[in-house]
C-alpha atoms as a PDB file:
ATOM      1  CA  UNK A   1     133.163  74.723 133.357  1.00  0.00           C
ATOM      2  CA  UNK A   2     132.878  71.165 134.655  1.00  0.00           C
ATOM      3  CA  UNK A   3     129.404  70.047 135.596  1.00  0.00           C
ATOM      4  CA  UNK A   4     127.828  67.505 137.885  1.00  0.00           C
ATOM      5  CA  UNK A   5     128.278  64.681 135.363  1.00  0.00           C
ATOM      6  CA  UNK A   6     132.039  65.156 135.398  1.00  0.00           C
ATOM      7  CA  UNK A   7     132.041  65.271 139.202  1.00  0.00           C
ATOM      8  CA  UNK A   8     129.943  62.078 139.349  1.00  0.00           C
ATOM      9  CA  UNK A   9     132.285  60.260 136.980  1.00  0.00           C
ATOM     10  CA  UNK A  10     135.305  61.640 138.886  1.00  0.00           C
ATOM     11  CA  UNK A  11     133.789  60.305 142.108  1.00  0.00           C
ATOM     12  CA  UNK A  12     133.378  56.894 140.459  1.00  0.00           C
ATOM     13  CA  UNK A  13     136.974  57.002 139.251  1.00  0.00           C
ATOM     14  CA  UNK A  14     138.211  57.878 142.743  1.00  0.00           C
ATOM     15  CA  UNK A  15     136.224  54.958 144.162  1.00  0.00           C
ATOM     16  CA  UNK A  16     137.811  52.660 141.577  1.00  0.00           C
ATOM     17  CA  UNK A  17     141.259  54.075 142.401  1.00  0.00           C
ATOM     18  CA  UNK A  18     140.605  53.305 146.075  1.00  0.00           C
ATOM     19  CA  UNK A  19     140.184  49.670 144.995  1.00  0.00           C
ATOM     20  CA  UNK A  20     143.518  49.744 143.152  1.00  0.00           C
ATOM     21  CA  UNK A  21     142.199  50.259 139.597  1.00  0.00           C
ATOM     22  CA  UNK A  22     145.212  51.561 137.655  1.00  0.00           C
ATOM     23  CA  UNK A  23     143.173  52.351 134.531  1.00  0.00           C
ATOM     24  CA  UNK A  24     140.808  54.546 136.581  1.00  0.00           C
ATOM     25  CA  UNK A  25     143.831  56.326 138.038  1.00  0.00           C
ATOM     26  CA  UNK A  26     145.227  56.896 134.554  1.00  0.00           C
ATOM     27  CA  UNK A  27     141.927  58.439 133.429  1.00  0.00           C
ATOM     28  CA  UNK A  28     141.811  60.643 136.520  1.00  0.00           C
ATOM     29  CA  UNK A  29     145.428  61.692 136.025  1.00  0.00           C
ATOM     30  CA  UNK A  30     144.862  62.691 132.394  1.00  0.00           C
ATOM     31  CA  UNK A  31     141.689  64.547 133.328  1.00  0.00           C
ATOM     32  CA  UNK A  32     143.317  66.588 136.099  1.00  0.00           C
ATOM     33  CA  UNK A  33     146.816  67.144 134.714  1.00  0.00           C
ATOM     34  CA  UNK A  34     145.926  70.154 132.492  1.00  0.00           C
ATOM     35  CA  UNK A  35     143.584  71.694 135.087  1.00  0.00           C
ATOM     36  CA  UNK A  36     146.096  71.379 137.907  1.00  0.00           C
ATOM     37  CA  UNK A  37     148.884  72.671 135.673  1.00  0.00           C
ATOM     38  CA  UNK A  38     146.875  75.833 134.892  1.00  0.00           C
ATOM     39  CA  UNK A  39     146.077  76.302 138.575  1.00  0.00           C
ATOM     40  CA  UNK A  40     149.675  75.814 139.692  1.00  0.00           C
ATOM     41  CA  UNK A  41     151.018  78.256 137.112  1.00  0.00           C
ATOM     42  CA  UNK A  42     149.483  80.904 139.364  1.00  0.00           C
ATOM     43  CA  UNK A  43     151.830  79.857 142.139  1.00  0.00           C
ATOM     44  CA  UNK A  44     154.995  79.263 140.115  1.00  0.00           C
ATOM     45  CA  UNK A  45     156.071  79.359 136.485  1.00  0.00           C
ATOM     46  CA  UNK A  46     158.673  76.686 137.010  1.00  0.00           C
ATOM     47  CA  UNK A  47     157.410  73.961 134.637  1.00  0.00           C
ATOM     48  CA  UNK A  48     159.522  71.245 136.257  1.00  0.00           C
ATOM     49  CA  UNK A  49     158.209  72.152 139.720  1.00  0.00           C
ATOM     50  CA  UNK A  50     154.615  72.240 138.451  1.00  0.00           C
ATOM     51  CA  UNK A  51     154.952  68.764 136.963  1.00  0.00           C
ATOM     52  CA  UNK A  52     156.490  67.525 140.211  1.00  0.00           C
ATOM     53  CA  UNK A  53     153.644  69.040 142.253  1.00  0.00           C
ATOM     54  CA  UNK A  54     151.012  67.502 139.953  1.00  0.00           C
ATOM     55  CA  UNK A  55     152.706  64.116 140.225  1.00  0.00           C
ATOM     56  CA  UNK A  56     152.977  64.429 144.015  1.00  0.00           C
ATOM     57  CA  UNK A  57     149.312  65.457 144.147  1.00  0.00           C
ATOM     58  CA  UNK A  58     148.221  62.490 142.091  1.00  0.00           C
ATOM     59  CA  UNK A  59     150.355  60.170 144.222  1.00  0.00           C
ATOM     60  CA  UNK A  60     148.400  61.400 147.245  1.00  0.00           C
ATOM     61  CA  UNK A  61     145.170  60.797 145.314  1.00  0.00           C
ATOM     62  CA  UNK A  62     146.339  57.227 144.580  1.00  0.00           C
ATOM     63  CA  UNK A  63     147.362  56.581 148.189  1.00  0.00           C
ATOM     64  CA  UNK A  64     144.422  58.355 149.861  1.00  0.00           C
ATOM     65  CA  UNK A  65     141.542  57.699 147.438  1.00  0.00           C
ATOM     66  CA  UNK A  66     139.900  55.591 150.151  1.00  0.00           C
ATOM     67  CA  UNK A  67     139.605  58.735 152.302  1.00  0.00           C
ATOM     68  CA  UNK A  68     137.470  60.640 149.773  1.00  0.00           C
ATOM     69  CA  UNK A  69     134.136  60.763 151.612  1.00  0.00           C
ATOM     70  CA  UNK A  70     132.057  62.655 149.017  1.00  0.00           C
ATOM     71  CA  UNK A  71     131.362  65.572 151.388  1.00  0.00           C
ATOM     72  CA  UNK A  72     132.759  67.856 148.673  1.00  0.00           C
ATOM     73  CA  UNK A  73     133.141  67.696 144.913  1.00  0.00           C
ATOM     74  CA  UNK A  74     135.962  65.447 143.676  1.00  0.00           C
ATOM     75  CA  UNK A  75     137.590  68.455 141.977  1.00  0.00           C
ATOM     76  CA  UNK A  76     137.561  70.362 145.278  1.00  0.00           C
ATOM     77  CA  UNK A  77     139.246  67.427 147.019  1.00  0.00           C
ATOM     78  CA  UNK A  78     141.942  67.101 144.329  1.00  0.00           C
ATOM     79  CA  UNK A  79     142.573  70.866 144.135  1.00  0.00           C
ATOM     80  CA  UNK A  80     142.885  71.035 147.926  1.00  0.00           C
ATOM     81  CA  UNK A  81     145.569  68.346 147.810  1.00  0.00           C
ATOM     82  CA  UNK A  82     147.328  70.232 144.994  1.00  0.00           C
ATOM     83  CA  UNK A  83     147.173  73.525 146.884  1.00  0.00           C
ATOM     84  CA  UNK A  84     148.681  72.047 150.064  1.00  0.00           C
ATOM     85  CA  UNK A  85     151.338  70.197 148.056  1.00  0.00           C
ATOM     86  CA  UNK A  86     152.195  73.384 146.139  1.00  0.00           C
ATOM     87  CA  UNK A  87     152.416  75.463 149.320  1.00  0.00           C
ATOM     88  CA  UNK A  88     154.946  73.013 150.752  1.00  0.00           C
ATOM     89  CA  UNK A  89     156.948  72.934 147.531  1.00  0.00           C
ATOM     90  CA  UNK A  90     156.972  76.718 147.046  1.00  0.00           C
ATOM     91  CA  UNK A  91     157.998  77.302 150.681  1.00  0.00           C
ATOM     92  CA  UNK A  92     160.898  74.909 150.149  1.00  0.00           C
ATOM     93  CA  UNK A  93     162.210  76.957 147.222  1.00  0.00           C
ATOM     94  CA  UNK A  94     164.850  79.617 147.606  1.00  0.00           C
ATOM     95  CA  UNK A  95     163.869  81.369 144.389  1.00  0.00           C
ATOM     96  CA  UNK A  96     161.160  84.002 143.953  1.00  0.00           C
ATOM     97  CA  UNK A  97     157.773  82.863 142.699  1.00  0.00           C
ATOM     98  CA  UNK A  98     156.398  84.432 139.521  1.00  0.00           C
ATOM     99  CA  UNK A  99     152.641  84.717 138.963  1.00  0.00           C
ATOM    100  CA  UNK A 100     150.793  83.673 135.821  1.00  0.00           C
ATOM    101  CA  UNK A 101     150.183  86.652 133.494  1.00  0.00           C
ATOM    102  CA  UNK A 102     147.231  85.061 131.669  1.00  0.00           C
ATOM    103  CA  UNK A 103     144.087  84.830 133.762  1.00  0.00           C
ATOM    104  CA  UNK A 104     140.838  86.259 132.497  1.00  0.00           C
ATOM    105  CA  UNK A 105     139.182  86.177 129.095  1.00  0.00           C
ATOM    106  CA  UNK A 106     137.129  89.353 128.803  1.00  0.00           C
ATOM    107  CA  UNK A 107     136.173  89.914 125.190  1.00  0.00           C
ATOM    108  CA  UNK A 108     134.131  87.463 123.162  1.00  0.00           C
ATOM    109  CA  UNK A 109     134.181  89.207 119.771  1.00  0.00           C
ATOM    110  CA  UNK A 110     136.433  87.974 116.976  1.00  0.00           C
ATOM    111  CA  UNK A 111     138.923  89.904 114.919  1.00  0.00           C
ATOM    112  CA  UNK A 112     142.527  91.047 115.275  1.00  0.00           C
ATOM    113  CA  UNK A 113     141.743  94.183 117.287  1.00  0.00           C
ATOM    114  CA  UNK A 114     139.648  92.182 119.744  1.00  0.00           C
ATOM    115  CA  UNK A 115     142.359  89.547 120.031  1.00  0.00           C
ATOM    116  CA  UNK A 116     144.847  92.332 120.757  1.00  0.00           C
ATOM    117  CA  UNK A 117     142.432  93.744 123.347  1.00  0.00           C
ATOM    118  CA  UNK A 118     142.122  90.339 125.036  1.00  0.00           C
ATOM    119  CA  UNK A 119     145.897  89.972 125.035  1.00  0.00           C
ATOM    120  CA  UNK A 120     146.358  93.409 126.597  1.00  0.00           C
ATOM    121  CA  UNK A 121     143.681  92.727 129.215  1.00  0.00           C
ATOM    122  CA  UNK A 122     145.253  89.368 130.123  1.00  0.00           C
ATOM    123  CA  UNK A 123     148.618  91.082 130.446  1.00  0.00           C
ATOM    124  CA  UNK A 124     147.180  93.925 132.562  1.00  0.00           C
ATOM    125  CA  UNK A 125     145.298  91.547 134.871  1.00  0.00           C
ATOM    126  CA  UNK A 126     148.313  89.234 135.133  1.00  0.00           C
ATOM    127  CA  UNK A 127     150.550  92.158 136.047  1.00  0.00           C
ATOM    128  CA  UNK A 128     147.999  93.356 138.599  1.00  0.00           C
ATOM    129  CA  UNK A 129     147.709  89.875 140.128  1.00  0.00           C
ATOM    130  CA  UNK A 130     151.466  89.872 140.716  1.00  0.00           C
ATOM    131  CA  UNK A 131     150.935  92.762 143.134  1.00  0.00           C
ATOM    132  CA  UNK A 132     148.357  90.916 145.234  1.00  0.00           C
ATOM    133  CA  UNK A 133     149.264  88.798 148.244  1.00  0.00           C
ATOM    134  CA  UNK A 134     149.388  85.107 147.268  1.00  0.00           C
ATOM    135  CA  UNK A 135     146.275  84.290 149.338  1.00  0.00           C
ATOM    136  CA  UNK A 136     144.207  86.910 147.489  1.00  0.00           C
ATOM    137  CA  UNK A 137     145.581  86.014 144.055  1.00  0.00           C
ATOM    138  CA  UNK A 138     144.829  82.332 144.703  1.00  0.00           C
ATOM    139  CA  UNK A 139     141.205  83.105 145.568  1.00  0.00           C
ATOM    140  CA  UNK A 140     140.835  85.135 142.360  1.00  0.00           C
ATOM    141  CA  UNK A 141     142.389  82.387 140.234  1.00  0.00           C
ATOM    142  CA  UNK A 142     140.232  79.637 141.746  1.00  0.00           C
ATOM    143  CA  UNK A 143     137.063  81.699 141.296  1.00  0.00           C
ATOM    144  CA  UNK A 144     137.630  83.037 137.801  1.00  0.00           C
ATOM    145  CA  UNK A 145     140.047  80.616 136.164  1.00  0.00           C
ATOM    146  CA  UNK A 146     138.754  77.392 137.700  1.00  0.00           C
ATOM    147  CA  UNK A 147     135.094  78.399 138.129  1.00  0.00           C
ATOM    148  CA  UNK A 148     134.923  77.527 141.830  1.00  0.00           C
ATOM    149  CA  UNK A 149     132.402  78.947 144.278  1.00  0.00           C
ATOM    150  CA  UNK A 150     133.334  80.351 147.677  1.00  0.00           C
ATOM    151  CA  UNK A 151     132.499  77.108 149.526  1.00  0.00           C
ATOM    152  CA  UNK A 152     134.743  75.090 147.212  1.00  0.00           C
ATOM    153  CA  UNK A 153     137.544  77.644 147.491  1.00  0.00           C
ATOM    154  CA  UNK A 154     137.236  77.517 151.281  1.00  0.00           C
ATOM    155  CA  UNK A 155     137.548  73.727 151.137  1.00  0.00           C
ATOM    156  CA  UNK A 156     140.605  73.929 148.871  1.00  0.00           C
ATOM    157  CA  UNK A 157     142.316  76.506 151.083  1.00  0.00           C
ATOM    158  CA  UNK A 158     141.084  74.926 154.318  1.00  0.00           C
ATOM    159  CA  UNK A 159     139.698  78.187 155.672  1.00  0.00           C
ATOM    160  CA  UNK A 160     136.253  79.583 156.497  1.00  0.00           C
ATOM    161  CA  UNK A 161     134.033  80.838 153.660  1.00  0.00           C
ATOM    162  CA  UNK A 162     134.058  84.299 155.251  1.00  0.00           C
ATOM    163  CA  UNK A 163     137.849  84.355 154.926  1.00  0.00           C
ATOM    164  CA  UNK A 164     137.486  83.609 151.205  1.00  0.00           C
ATOM    165  CA  UNK A 165     134.909  86.401 150.882  1.00  0.00           C
ATOM    166  CA  UNK A 166     137.192  88.829 152.696  1.00  0.00           C
ATOM    167  CA  UNK A 167     140.179  87.902 150.530  1.00  0.00           C
ATOM    168  CA  UNK A 168     138.057  88.296 147.382  1.00  0.00           C
ATOM    169  CA  UNK A 169     136.757  91.672 148.559  1.00  0.00           C
ATOM    170  CA  UNK A 170     140.272  92.976 149.220  1.00  0.00           C
ATOM    171  CA  UNK A 171     141.584  91.439 145.976  1.00  0.00           C
ATOM    172  CA  UNK A 172     138.847  93.142 143.948  1.00  0.00           C
ATOM    173  CA  UNK A 173     139.507  96.478 145.651  1.00  0.00           C
ATOM    174  CA  UNK A 174     143.227  96.225 144.962  1.00  0.00           C
ATOM    175  CA  UNK A 175     142.709  95.029 141.372  1.00  0.00           C
ATOM    176  CA  UNK A 176     140.349  97.956 140.792  1.00  0.00           C
ATOM    177  CA  UNK A 177     143.091 100.330 141.955  1.00  0.00           C
ATOM    178  CA  UNK A 178     145.794  98.580 139.954  1.00  0.00           C
ATOM    179  CA  UNK A 179     143.710  98.413 136.778  1.00  0.00           C
ATOM    180  CA  UNK A 180     142.295 101.955 137.037  1.00  0.00           C
ATOM    181  CA  UNK A 181     144.732 103.298 134.408  1.00  0.00           C
ATOM    182  CA  UNK A 182     143.990 100.462 132.016  1.00  0.00           C
ATOM    183  CA  UNK A 183     140.231 100.887 132.402  1.00  0.00           C
ATOM    184  CA  UNK A 184     140.442 104.669 131.899  1.00  0.00           C
ATOM    185  CA  UNK A 185     142.238 104.103 128.582  1.00  0.00           C
ATOM    186  CA  UNK A 186     139.289 102.008 127.385  1.00  0.00           C
ATOM    187  CA  UNK A 187     136.658 104.680 128.117  1.00  0.00           C
END
C-alpha cells in the first residue's frame, strides 16, 4: 500500500516536526488522518471518539517526534501510538464497541453482480470479525486492511511476533468456521 518512499518522506516529516515545523506536522496529520480513521473504525464506530483519538495520537506525535529513533517504519510508530491511545479511550467508555463491517476487498471484476458479491463478502467478513476477540480482530485488520507485516503488527501492539502469529492463526481458524456457510453458498 505505502512503500519505502512514503516511509522515507514520513521520517523526514517527523524529523522536521521534532524541530517544531508546523507545516511538516500539518502534512503528516493530513497524510495519517484517513489511515488512522480507517484503522480506528475497527475498534469503535463512534465518529466523534475516532476523531478525538486521531487528534490525541497526533498530539503525541507532535510532542514526542524527537523520540522517533527510526528503528521501525514511521507508520508503525504512529499506528502504535494510535492503538495505545484507542485502547485507553475504549476502556474509558461505558458503551459497547461495534466493529467495522467493511474490511476485505475480494473480487476485482467489474459489474453489478460482482459489486453485489463484494458487498456481501464485506458484510459477511465484517459480521464474522465482530465475533472475534478484539486482539485477534485487530491483528487481522492491521494485516489485511493496513498491509502490515507481522513484525510491524508486533511493534504496534507491543507484543512478540509469535503472539501476533498465534492470534492470526486463531483468527483465521475462527473466521473459517464463521464464514463456512457463506463460502459453501459460493461453491
